[in-house]
Amino acid sequence: MKLAMIGLGKMGANMVRRLVRDGHEVIVFDADIATAAVLADELNDVTAVSTIDELIKVFEPPRTIWLMVPHQFVDQSIESLLGAGMSKGDLLVDGGNSNFNLSKQRAVDLRALDIHFVDSGTSGGVWGLENGYSIMAGGSDEAIAILRPVLESLAPAKDKGWGHVGPAGAGHYVKMVHNGIEYGMMQAFAEGFELLDAKQEMQIDLQQVTEIWQHGSVVRSWLLDLIADAFSADKNLSSLSDYVDDSGEGRWTVHDSIDLGVPTPVLTLALQMRFRSRQDSSFAGKVLNAMRAGFGGHDIKSID
C-alpha cells in the first residue's frame, strides 16, 4: 500500500521503517527537510518531499496520509493539507496524542469534505520498530478497512495488538486512559524504589531487585525492564533530573473522570506528583510546617 507519513520524530521514522519492511511504499515529510532526505537515502520505497504542496502533487488520490506530529500542530497540518489540495476520498490519520474531543470535531469537519478520518492511539515508543506498535483506532468501518493493511503491518502481529475500538474519537480516548494508567503504574514503581533506596541499613542493591522481579514476579513488566536498564547504565541515576513533565493525556484523563463522576484517585495523584516534581521549593510544605509547629511544637528544619 502507498501512504504518506508527516512527522519523522522518535516514532514516525521507525514506523516508516517498519512499514517499508512489510512492503509498503511511503512518501515522507518533516519540518526538518534534511530528516526526510536522510530517511529516503536509507530506505528503498521511500520518497522524501520538501513541502506539503509537493506531497499532494506527487501522491495521486485517493491518498492515505498519516500525521505523527505533536497535538499542538495537528490543526495546522490539516489546514496545510487542505490548502494544498487534499481531496474527496482521501484518508487522514492522526497517530499522535490528540484530545479525543478535538478528534471528534475534526472527523465531522473532514466528513463534510468527504475525507475519511481515523484517530489512532499509538503506543510503543522507540521500541516499536522491533516489537510492533499497540494501536487503538477510531473511525468508520470504511476508513478502517482502507487503513487495515497499514495497521496490520505496524502492529506486533497481523491479528494482535491493534483494534477498531469505536467511532472517531474513540481511538484517542482509549489511548488517553491508557496513558493515565501508565502514569499510575510509573508512580507506583518510582515510590517503591525510593522506599527501597531510603532503607540504607539494608544496603539493598536496586539493580539486583529489578533483575529478581523481572522473572516470576506479579509486577514484572516492560516498565520494570526499563528501570532495570536504567540502573544497569547508572546505578544511582545520577545523570537524571527529578523534574517530570506531562504531555497532556494524564490531565485529560483526570478531567474526564471528573466529568463522568468516576473516581480515579491513583491516576489523579500520579498526575499531581508530576506537578510536585517541578517545584524547587513547595510553598504548601511551608504552610504544613507552620501548622505542625503551631499545634504540636514540632521542630522544623531550617533553610540552609
C-alpha atoms as a PDB file:
ATOM      1  CA  MET A   1       0.000   0.000   0.000  1.00  0.00           C
ATOM      2  CA  LYS A   2       1.131   3.554  -0.652  1.00  0.00           C
ATOM      3  CA  LEU A   3       0.840   6.192   2.053  1.00  0.00           C
ATOM      4  CA  ALA A   4       2.446   9.379   3.320  1.00  0.00           C
ATOM      5  CA  MET A   5       3.945   9.972   6.768  1.00  0.00           C
ATOM      6  CA  ILE A   6       4.147  13.521   8.085  1.00  0.00           C
ATOM      7  CA  GLY A   7       6.372  13.826  11.159  1.00  0.00           C
ATOM      8  CA  LEU A   8       9.559  11.785  11.443  1.00  0.00           C
ATOM      9  CA  GLY A   9      10.390  12.062  15.108  1.00  0.00           C
ATOM     10  CA  LYS A  10      11.202   9.258  17.525  1.00  0.00           C
ATOM     11  CA  MET A  11       8.161   7.219  16.471  1.00  0.00           C
ATOM     12  CA  GLY A  12       7.351   8.440  12.959  1.00  0.00           C
ATOM     13  CA  ALA A  13      10.668   7.468  11.366  1.00  0.00           C
ATOM     14  CA  ASN A  14      10.618   3.993  12.891  1.00  0.00           C
ATOM     15  CA  MET A  15       7.033   3.492  11.795  1.00  0.00           C
ATOM     16  CA  VAL A  16       8.159   4.228   8.243  1.00  0.00           C
ATOM     17  CA  ARG A  17      10.963   1.678   8.603  1.00  0.00           C
ATOM     18  CA  ARG A  18       8.526  -0.975   9.830  1.00  0.00           C
ATOM     19  CA  LEU A  19       6.070  -0.240   7.020  1.00  0.00           C
ATOM     20  CA  VAL A  20       8.766  -0.477   4.339  1.00  0.00           C
ATOM     21  CA  ARG A  21       9.936  -3.793   5.777  1.00  0.00           C
ATOM     22  CA  ASP A  22       6.426  -5.109   5.155  1.00  0.00           C
ATOM     23  CA  GLY A  23       6.293  -3.948   1.562  1.00  0.00           C
ATOM     24  CA  HIS A  24       4.600  -0.556   1.772  1.00  0.00           C
ATOM     25  CA  GLU A  25       5.665   2.486  -0.250  1.00  0.00           C
ATOM     26  CA  VAL A  26       5.939   5.679   1.818  1.00  0.00           C
ATOM     27  CA  ILE A  27       6.210   9.367   0.971  1.00  0.00           C
ATOM     28  CA  VAL A  28       7.775  11.242   3.886  1.00  0.00           C
ATOM     29  CA  PHE A  29       7.744  14.851   5.040  1.00  0.00           C
ATOM     30  CA  ASP A  30       9.144  16.542   8.110  1.00  0.00           C
ATOM     31  CA  ALA A  31       9.550  20.156   9.147  1.00  0.00           C
ATOM     32  CA  ASP A  32      13.258  19.361   9.136  1.00  0.00           C
ATOM     33  CA  ILE A  33      13.711  18.684   5.425  1.00  0.00           C
ATOM     34  CA  ALA A  34      17.080  17.008   5.997  1.00  0.00           C
ATOM     35  CA  THR A  35      15.463  14.362   8.231  1.00  0.00           C
ATOM     36  CA  ALA A  36      13.182  13.245   5.411  1.00  0.00           C
ATOM     37  CA  ALA A  37      16.050  13.208   2.913  1.00  0.00           C
ATOM     38  CA  VAL A  38      18.203  11.043   5.184  1.00  0.00           C
ATOM     39  CA  LEU A  39      15.391   8.536   5.651  1.00  0.00           C
ATOM     40  CA  ALA A  40      14.803   8.353   1.898  1.00  0.00           C
ATOM     41  CA  ASP A  41      18.524   7.714   1.352  1.00  0.00           C
ATOM     42  CA  GLU A  42      18.423   4.929   3.937  1.00  0.00           C
ATOM     43  CA  LEU A  43      15.380   3.088   2.645  1.00  0.00           C
ATOM     44  CA  ASN A  44      14.131   1.851  -0.688  1.00  0.00           C
ATOM     45  CA  ASP A  45      10.466   2.608  -1.434  1.00  0.00           C
ATOM     46  CA  VAL A  46      10.680   5.905   0.474  1.00  0.00           C
ATOM     47  CA  THR A  47      10.332   9.249  -1.289  1.00  0.00           C
ATOM     48  CA  ALA A  48      11.108  12.492   0.512  1.00  0.00           C
ATOM     49  CA  VAL A  49       9.296  15.738  -0.269  1.00  0.00           C
ATOM     50  CA  SER A  50      10.214  19.190   0.952  1.00  0.00           C
ATOM     51  CA  THR A  51       6.731  20.749   1.166  1.00  0.00           C
ATOM     52  CA  ILE A  52       3.136  19.734   1.788  1.00  0.00           C
ATOM     53  CA  ASP A  53       2.237  21.079  -1.659  1.00  0.00           C
ATOM     54  CA  GLU A  54       4.794  18.729  -3.204  1.00  0.00           C
ATOM     55  CA  LEU A  55       3.412  15.806  -1.198  1.00  0.00           C
ATOM     56  CA  ILE A  56      -0.090  16.345  -2.541  1.00  0.00           C
ATOM     57  CA  LYS A  57       1.227  16.883  -6.072  1.00  0.00           C
ATOM     58  CA  VAL A  58       3.240  13.651  -6.278  1.00  0.00           C
ATOM     59  CA  PHE A  59       0.689  11.497  -4.432  1.00  0.00           C
ATOM     60  CA  GLU A  60      -2.260  10.680  -6.662  1.00  0.00           C
ATOM     61  CA  PRO A  61      -5.672  10.296  -4.946  1.00  0.00           C
ATOM     62  CA  PRO A  62      -7.142   8.535  -3.149  1.00  0.00           C
ATOM     63  CA  ARG A  63      -4.408   9.287  -0.615  1.00  0.00           C
ATOM     64  CA  THR A  64      -3.730   7.882   2.832  1.00  0.00           C
ATOM     65  CA  ILE A  65      -1.818  10.406   4.934  1.00  0.00           C
ATOM     66  CA  TRP A  66      -0.657   9.664   8.478  1.00  0.00           C
ATOM     67  CA  LEU A  67       0.139  12.559  10.818  1.00  0.00           C
ATOM     68  CA  MET A  68       2.702  11.803  13.505  1.00  0.00           C
ATOM     69  CA  VAL A  69       3.101  15.303  14.918  1.00  0.00           C
ATOM     70  CA  PRO A  70       2.624  16.824  18.402  1.00  0.00           C
ATOM     71  CA  HIS A  71      -1.051  17.526  19.142  1.00  0.00           C
ATOM     72  CA  GLN A  72      -0.413  21.284  19.056  1.00  0.00           C
ATOM     73  CA  PHE A  73       0.347  21.086  15.317  1.00  0.00           C
ATOM     74  CA  VAL A  74      -2.460  18.823  14.084  1.00  0.00           C
ATOM     75  CA  ASP A  75      -4.864  21.578  13.015  1.00  0.00           C
ATOM     76  CA  GLN A  76      -2.062  23.466  11.307  1.00  0.00           C
ATOM     77  CA  SER A  77      -1.112  20.306   9.416  1.00  0.00           C
ATOM     78  CA  ILE A  78      -4.705  19.670   8.361  1.00  0.00           C
ATOM     79  CA  GLU A  79      -5.077  23.235   7.120  1.00  0.00           C
ATOM     80  CA  SER A  80      -1.891  22.882   5.071  1.00  0.00           C
ATOM     81  CA  LEU A  81      -3.079  19.616   3.532  1.00  0.00           C
ATOM     82  CA  LEU A  82      -6.483  21.018   2.646  1.00  0.00           C
ATOM     83  CA  GLY A  83      -4.893  24.145   1.222  1.00  0.00           C
ATOM     84  CA  ALA A  84      -2.576  22.031  -0.906  1.00  0.00           C
ATOM     85  CA  GLY A  85      -5.481  20.099  -2.414  1.00  0.00           C
ATOM     86  CA  MET A  86      -6.325  17.093  -0.269  1.00  0.00           C
ATOM     87  CA  SER A  87      -9.479  15.806  -1.895  1.00  0.00           C
ATOM     88  CA  LYS A  88     -12.634  13.693  -1.703  1.00  0.00           C
ATOM     89  CA  GLY A  89     -11.949  10.057  -0.859  1.00  0.00           C
ATOM     90  CA  ASP A  90      -8.617  10.739   0.848  1.00  0.00           C
ATOM     91  CA  LEU A  91      -7.941   9.343   4.325  1.00  0.00           C
ATOM     92  CA  LEU A  92      -6.248  11.298   7.097  1.00  0.00           C
ATOM     93  CA  VAL A  93      -4.875   9.544  10.178  1.00  0.00           C
ATOM     94  CA  ASP A  94      -3.867  11.344  13.377  1.00  0.00           C
ATOM     95  CA  GLY A  95      -1.467   8.993  15.148  1.00  0.00           C
ATOM     96  CA  GLY A  96      -0.358  11.398  17.852  1.00  0.00           C
ATOM     97  CA  ASN A  97      -1.781  12.053  21.304  1.00  0.00           C
ATOM     98  CA  SER A  98      -4.618  14.445  20.482  1.00  0.00           C
ATOM     99  CA  ASN A  99      -7.534  15.289  22.747  1.00  0.00           C
ATOM    100  CA  PHE A 100     -10.411  12.991  21.814  1.00  0.00           C
ATOM    101  CA  ASN A 101     -12.905  15.875  21.701  1.00  0.00           C
ATOM    102  CA  LEU A 102     -10.831  17.588  19.032  1.00  0.00           C
ATOM    103  CA  SER A 103     -10.604  14.308  17.115  1.00  0.00           C
ATOM    104  CA  LYS A 104     -14.392  14.006  17.117  1.00  0.00           C
ATOM    105  CA  GLN A 105     -14.739  17.519  15.719  1.00  0.00           C
ATOM    106  CA  ARG A 106     -12.010  17.003  13.114  1.00  0.00           C
ATOM    107  CA  ALA A 107     -13.811  13.890  11.887  1.00  0.00           C
ATOM    108  CA  VAL A 108     -17.039  15.880  11.472  1.00  0.00           C
ATOM    109  CA  ASP A 109     -15.272  18.706   9.636  1.00  0.00           C
ATOM    110  CA  LEU A 110     -13.457  16.350   7.268  1.00  0.00           C
ATOM    111  CA  ARG A 111     -16.554  14.210   6.669  1.00  0.00           C
ATOM    112  CA  ALA A 112     -18.244  17.329   5.290  1.00  0.00           C
ATOM    113  CA  LEU A 113     -15.495  17.349   2.656  1.00  0.00           C
ATOM    114  CA  ASP A 114     -15.893  13.590   2.028  1.00  0.00           C
ATOM    115  CA  ILE A 115     -12.472  12.953   3.559  1.00  0.00           C
ATOM    116  CA  HIS A 116     -12.092   9.950   5.877  1.00  0.00           C
ATOM    117  CA  PHE A 117     -10.556  10.420   9.325  1.00  0.00           C
ATOM    118  CA  VAL A 118      -9.049   7.913  11.747  1.00  0.00           C
ATOM    119  CA  ASP A 119      -7.704   8.769  15.184  1.00  0.00           C
ATOM    120  CA  SER A 120      -5.061   6.231  16.032  1.00  0.00           C
ATOM    121  CA  GLY A 121      -3.862   5.996  19.606  1.00  0.00           C
ATOM    122  CA  THR A 122      -0.353   4.636  19.095  1.00  0.00           C
ATOM    123  CA  SER A 123       1.828   3.137  21.814  1.00  0.00           C
ATOM    124  CA  GLY A 124       5.249   1.549  21.530  1.00  0.00           C
ATOM    125  CA  GLY A 125       7.723   4.374  21.709  1.00  0.00           C
ATOM    126  CA  VAL A 126      11.225   3.837  20.395  1.00  0.00           C
ATOM    127  CA  TRP A 127      10.855   0.062  20.733  1.00  0.00           C
ATOM    128  CA  GLY A 128       8.019  -0.170  18.210  1.00  0.00           C
ATOM    129  CA  LEU A 129      10.264  -0.805  15.233  1.00  0.00           C
ATOM    130  CA  GLU A 130      11.227  -4.251  16.504  1.00  0.00           C
ATOM    131  CA  ASN A 131       8.303  -5.088  18.781  1.00  0.00           C
ATOM    132  CA  GLY A 132       5.432  -3.502  16.877  1.00  0.00           C
ATOM    133  CA  TYR A 133       3.003  -0.821  17.990  1.00  0.00           C
ATOM    134  CA  SER A 134      -0.142  -1.118  20.065  1.00  0.00           C
ATOM    135  CA  ILE A 135      -2.782   0.700  18.036  1.00  0.00           C
ATOM    136  CA  MET A 136      -6.227   1.837  19.173  1.00  0.00           C
ATOM    137  CA  ALA A 137      -8.088   3.088  16.096  1.00  0.00           C
ATOM    138  CA  GLY A 138     -11.266   5.146  16.000  1.00  0.00           C
ATOM    139  CA  GLY A 139     -13.274   5.868  12.866  1.00  0.00           C
ATOM    140  CA  SER A 140     -15.827   4.499  10.436  1.00  0.00           C
ATOM    141  CA  ASP A 141     -15.798   0.898   9.241  1.00  0.00           C
ATOM    142  CA  GLU A 142     -14.991   2.140   5.738  1.00  0.00           C
ATOM    143  CA  ALA A 143     -11.989   4.159   6.910  1.00  0.00           C
ATOM    144  CA  ILE A 144     -10.592   1.285   8.989  1.00  0.00           C
ATOM    145  CA  ALA A 145     -10.989  -1.096   6.040  1.00  0.00           C
ATOM    146  CA  ILE A 146      -8.863   1.227   3.895  1.00  0.00           C
ATOM    147  CA  LEU A 147      -6.216   1.523   6.606  1.00  0.00           C
ATOM    148  CA  ARG A 148      -6.186  -2.152   7.664  1.00  0.00           C
ATOM    149  CA  PRO A 149      -3.034  -3.178   5.718  1.00  0.00           C
ATOM    150  CA  VAL A 150      -1.079  -0.395   7.425  1.00  0.00           C
ATOM    151  CA  LEU A 151      -2.435  -1.227  10.877  1.00  0.00           C
ATOM    152  CA  GLU A 152      -1.601  -4.904  10.433  1.00  0.00           C
ATOM    153  CA  SER A 153       1.973  -4.051   9.439  1.00  0.00           C
ATOM    154  CA  LEU A 154       2.545  -1.675  12.345  1.00  0.00           C
ATOM    155  CA  ALA A 155       1.060  -3.994  14.986  1.00  0.00           C
ATOM    156  CA  PRO A 156       3.096  -6.726  16.739  1.00  0.00           C
ATOM    157  CA  ALA A 157       1.186  -9.299  14.699  1.00  0.00           C
ATOM    158  CA  LYS A 158      -1.361  -9.122  11.903  1.00  0.00           C
ATOM    159  CA  ASP A 159      -4.245 -10.018  14.200  1.00  0.00           C
ATOM    160  CA  LYS A 160      -2.864  -8.888  17.574  1.00  0.00           C
ATOM    161  CA  GLY A 161      -2.027  -5.588  19.195  1.00  0.00           C
ATOM    162  CA  TRP A 162      -4.414  -3.397  17.231  1.00  0.00           C
ATOM    163  CA  GLY A 163      -8.145  -2.924  17.072  1.00  0.00           C
ATOM    164  CA  HIS A 164     -11.022  -0.801  15.831  1.00  0.00           C
ATOM    165  CA  VAL A 165     -12.202   0.450  19.216  1.00  0.00           C
ATOM    166  CA  GLY A 166     -15.120   2.659  18.162  1.00  0.00           C
ATOM    167  CA  PRO A 167     -16.159   5.762  16.205  1.00  0.00           C
ATOM    168  CA  ALA A 168     -13.975   8.787  15.599  1.00  0.00           C
ATOM    169  CA  GLY A 169     -12.555   9.977  18.908  1.00  0.00           C
ATOM    170  CA  ALA A 170     -12.592   6.526  20.492  1.00  0.00           C
ATOM    171  CA  GLY A 171      -9.004   5.768  19.492  1.00  0.00           C
ATOM    172  CA  HIS A 172      -7.639   8.799  21.254  1.00  0.00           C
ATOM    173  CA  TYR A 173      -9.971   8.285  24.201  1.00  0.00           C
ATOM    174  CA  VAL A 174      -8.682   4.741  24.783  1.00  0.00           C
ATOM    175  CA  LYS A 175      -5.084   5.962  24.379  1.00  0.00           C
ATOM    176  CA  MET A 176      -5.770   8.776  26.862  1.00  0.00           C
ATOM    177  CA  VAL A 177      -6.941   6.314  29.505  1.00  0.00           C
ATOM    178  CA  HIS A 178      -4.012   4.026  28.626  1.00  0.00           C
ATOM    179  CA  ASN A 179      -1.615   6.872  29.387  1.00  0.00           C
ATOM    180  CA  GLY A 180      -3.461   7.748  32.583  1.00  0.00           C
ATOM    181  CA  ILE A 181      -2.965   4.155  33.754  1.00  0.00           C
ATOM    182  CA  GLU A 182       0.671   4.418  32.716  1.00  0.00           C
ATOM    183  CA  TYR A 183       1.086   7.457  34.983  1.00  0.00           C
ATOM    184  CA  GLY A 184      -0.212   5.453  37.954  1.00  0.00           C
ATOM    185  CA  MET A 185       1.983   2.433  37.249  1.00  0.00           C
ATOM    186  CA  MET A 186       5.079   4.561  36.817  1.00  0.00           C
ATOM    187  CA  GLN A 187       4.402   6.466  40.029  1.00  0.00           C
ATOM    188  CA  ALA A 188       3.982   3.214  41.975  1.00  0.00           C
ATOM    189  CA  PHE A 189       7.321   1.900  40.716  1.00  0.00           C
ATOM    190  CA  ALA A 190       9.011   5.235  41.445  1.00  0.00           C
ATOM    191  CA  GLU A 191       7.727   5.374  45.017  1.00  0.00           C
ATOM    192  CA  GLY A 192       8.609   1.745  45.674  1.00  0.00           C
ATOM    193  CA  PHE A 193      12.194   2.164  44.562  1.00  0.00           C
ATOM    194  CA  GLU A 194      12.518   5.381  46.530  1.00  0.00           C
ATOM    195  CA  LEU A 195      11.422   3.462  49.636  1.00  0.00           C
ATOM    196  CA  LEU A 196      13.951   0.706  48.955  1.00  0.00           C
ATOM    197  CA  ASP A 197      16.680   3.283  48.423  1.00  0.00           C
ATOM    198  CA  ALA A 198      15.824   5.067  51.668  1.00  0.00           C
ATOM    199  CA  LYS A 199      16.331   1.888  53.751  1.00  0.00           C
ATOM    200  CA  GLN A 200      20.077   2.442  53.920  1.00  0.00           C
ATOM    201  CA  GLU A 201      20.664  -0.015  56.775  1.00  0.00           C
ATOM    202  CA  MET A 202      19.684  -2.875  54.447  1.00  0.00           C
ATOM    203  CA  GLN A 203      22.110  -1.826  51.700  1.00  0.00           C
ATOM    204  CA  ILE A 204      19.659  -3.068  49.078  1.00  0.00           C
ATOM    205  CA  ASP A 205      21.018  -3.345  45.548  1.00  0.00           C
ATOM    206  CA  LEU A 206      18.251  -1.817  43.444  1.00  0.00           C
ATOM    207  CA  GLN A 207      19.584  -3.251  40.213  1.00  0.00           C
ATOM    208  CA  GLN A 208      19.523  -6.728  41.741  1.00  0.00           C
ATOM    209  CA  VAL A 209      15.929  -6.220  42.871  1.00  0.00           C
ATOM    210  CA  THR A 210      14.827  -5.281  39.360  1.00  0.00           C
ATOM    211  CA  GLU A 211      16.510  -8.378  37.963  1.00  0.00           C
ATOM    212  CA  ILE A 212      14.770 -10.592  40.534  1.00  0.00           C
ATOM    213  CA  TRP A 213      11.379  -9.036  39.869  1.00  0.00           C
ATOM    214  CA  GLN A 214      11.782  -9.431  36.112  1.00  0.00           C
ATOM    215  CA  HIS A 215      11.291 -13.185  36.461  1.00  0.00           C
ATOM    216  CA  GLY A 216       8.155 -14.660  38.009  1.00  0.00           C
ATOM    217  CA  SER A 217       7.031 -11.569  39.927  1.00  0.00           C
ATOM    218  CA  VAL A 218       3.482 -10.270  39.532  1.00  0.00           C
ATOM    219  CA  VAL A 219       4.931  -6.782  38.904  1.00  0.00           C
ATOM    220  CA  ARG A 220       7.174  -7.880  36.031  1.00  0.00           C
ATOM    221  CA  SER A 221       6.544  -5.606  33.058  1.00  0.00           C
ATOM    222  CA  TRP A 222       8.129  -3.565  30.323  1.00  0.00           C
ATOM    223  CA  LEU A 223       8.255  -0.595  32.700  1.00  0.00           C
ATOM    224  CA  LEU A 224      10.271  -2.690  35.141  1.00  0.00           C
ATOM    225  CA  ASP A 225      12.575  -3.717  32.293  1.00  0.00           C
ATOM    226  CA  LEU A 226      13.190  -0.038  31.559  1.00  0.00           C
ATOM    227  CA  ILE A 227      14.031   0.588  35.218  1.00  0.00           C
ATOM    228  CA  ALA A 228      16.457  -2.329  35.133  1.00  0.00           C
ATOM    229  CA  ASP A 229      18.128  -0.917  32.025  1.00  0.00           C
ATOM    230  CA  ALA A 230      18.448   2.486  33.702  1.00  0.00           C
ATOM    231  CA  PHE A 231      20.062   1.056  36.852  1.00  0.00           C
ATOM    232  CA  SER A 232      22.392  -1.035  34.726  1.00  0.00           C
ATOM    233  CA  ALA A 233      23.600   2.093  32.927  1.00  0.00           C
ATOM    234  CA  ASP A 234      23.753   4.352  36.008  1.00  0.00           C
ATOM    235  CA  LYS A 235      23.279   2.665  39.378  1.00  0.00           C
ATOM    236  CA  ASN A 236      22.410   5.914  41.191  1.00  0.00           C
ATOM    237  CA  LEU A 237      20.618   7.576  38.257  1.00  0.00           C
ATOM    238  CA  SER A 238      22.991  10.460  38.902  1.00  0.00           C
ATOM    239  CA  SER A 239      22.672  11.791  35.367  1.00  0.00           C
ATOM    240  CA  LEU A 240      18.890  12.221  35.571  1.00  0.00           C
ATOM    241  CA  SER A 241      16.816  15.136  36.825  1.00  0.00           C
ATOM    242  CA  ASP A 242      13.819  14.558  39.110  1.00  0.00           C
ATOM    243  CA  TYR A 243      11.743  17.025  37.069  1.00  0.00           C
ATOM    244  CA  VAL A 244       8.902  15.028  35.485  1.00  0.00           C
ATOM    245  CA  ASP A 245       6.961  16.520  32.575  1.00  0.00           C
ATOM    246  CA  ASP A 246       3.493  15.587  31.330  1.00  0.00           C
ATOM    247  CA  SER A 247       2.307  15.743  27.740  1.00  0.00           C
ATOM    248  CA  GLY A 248      -1.415  16.222  28.314  1.00  0.00           C
ATOM    249  CA  GLU A 249      -3.070  12.804  28.367  1.00  0.00           C
ATOM    250  CA  GLY A 250      -2.930  12.474  32.157  1.00  0.00           C
ATOM    251  CA  ARG A 251      -4.679  15.816  32.583  1.00  0.00           C
ATOM    252  CA  TRP A 252      -7.343  14.929  30.043  1.00  0.00           C
ATOM    253  CA  THR A 253      -7.954  11.598  31.798  1.00  0.00           C
ATOM    254  CA  VAL A 254      -8.476  13.313  35.145  1.00  0.00           C
ATOM    255  CA  HIS A 255     -10.720  15.976  33.598  1.00  0.00           C
ATOM    256  CA  ASP A 256     -12.957  13.324  32.038  1.00  0.00           C
ATOM    257  CA  SER A 257     -13.105  11.281  35.227  1.00  0.00           C
ATOM    258  CA  ILE A 258     -14.459  14.390  36.957  1.00  0.00           C
ATOM    259  CA  ASP A 259     -16.993  14.997  34.176  1.00  0.00           C
ATOM    260  CA  LEU A 260     -18.191  11.377  34.411  1.00  0.00           C
ATOM    261  CA  GLY A 261     -18.090  11.204  38.200  1.00  0.00           C
ATOM    262  CA  VAL A 262     -15.748   8.203  38.057  1.00  0.00           C
ATOM    263  CA  PRO A 263     -13.222   8.040  40.934  1.00  0.00           C
ATOM    264  CA  THR A 264      -9.622   7.801  39.731  1.00  0.00           C
ATOM    265  CA  PRO A 265      -7.578   8.627  42.852  1.00  0.00           C
ATOM    266  CA  VAL A 266      -4.418   6.772  41.790  1.00  0.00           C
ATOM    267  CA  LEU A 267      -4.320   8.313  38.316  1.00  0.00           C
ATOM    268  CA  THR A 268      -5.095  11.760  39.716  1.00  0.00           C
ATOM    269  CA  LEU A 269      -2.426  11.619  42.410  1.00  0.00           C
ATOM    270  CA  ALA A 270       0.150  10.350  39.928  1.00  0.00           C
ATOM    271  CA  LEU A 271      -0.506  13.443  37.815  1.00  0.00           C
ATOM    272  CA  GLN A 272      -0.291  15.709  40.862  1.00  0.00           C
ATOM    273  CA  MET A 273       3.057  14.175  41.809  1.00  0.00           C
ATOM    274  CA  ARG A 274       4.420  15.193  38.418  1.00  0.00           C
ATOM    275  CA  PHE A 275       3.466  18.758  39.217  1.00  0.00           C
ATOM    276  CA  ARG A 276       5.179  18.414  42.610  1.00  0.00           C
ATOM    277  CA  SER A 277       8.397  17.259  40.949  1.00  0.00           C
ATOM    278  CA  ARG A 278       8.749  20.628  39.234  1.00  0.00           C
ATOM    279  CA  GLN A 279       8.844  22.694  42.398  1.00  0.00           C
ATOM    280  CA  ASP A 280      12.238  23.676  43.730  1.00  0.00           C
ATOM    281  CA  SER A 281      10.541  24.671  46.962  1.00  0.00           C
ATOM    282  CA  SER A 282       6.975  23.850  47.944  1.00  0.00           C
ATOM    283  CA  PHE A 283       5.014  26.706  49.487  1.00  0.00           C
ATOM    284  CA  ALA A 284       2.413  24.138  50.566  1.00  0.00           C
ATOM    285  CA  GLY A 285       5.136  22.361  52.526  1.00  0.00           C
ATOM    286  CA  LYS A 286       5.932  25.594  54.319  1.00  0.00           C
ATOM    287  CA  VAL A 287       2.247  26.051  55.248  1.00  0.00           C
ATOM    288  CA  LEU A 288       2.120  22.470  56.524  1.00  0.00           C
ATOM    289  CA  ASN A 289       5.187  23.071  58.675  1.00  0.00           C
ATOM    290  CA  ALA A 290       3.700  26.283  60.058  1.00  0.00           C
ATOM    291  CA  MET A 291       0.643  24.315  61.235  1.00  0.00           C
ATOM    292  CA  ARG A 292       2.746  21.463  62.669  1.00  0.00           C
ATOM    293  CA  ALA A 293       4.887  23.922  64.593  1.00  0.00           C
ATOM    294  CA  GLY A 294       1.791  25.758  65.796  1.00  0.00           C
ATOM    295  CA  PHE A 295      -0.325  22.915  67.133  1.00  0.00           C
ATOM    296  CA  GLY A 296       2.347  20.416  68.096  1.00  0.00           C
ATOM    297  CA  GLY A 297       5.520  22.349  68.687  1.00  0.00           C
ATOM    298  CA  HIS A 298       7.274  20.141  66.146  1.00  0.00           C
ATOM    299  CA  ASP A 299      10.834  21.002  65.202  1.00  0.00           C
ATOM    300  CA  ILE A 300      11.040  22.393  61.674  1.00  0.00           C
ATOM    301  CA  LYS A 301      14.135  22.064  59.518  1.00  0.00           C
ATOM    302  CA  SER A 302      15.545  25.472  58.739  1.00  0.00           C
ATOM    303  CA  ILE A 303      16.582  26.597  55.261  1.00  0.00           C
ATOM    304  CA  ASP A 304      20.334  26.202  54.776  1.00  0.00           C
END
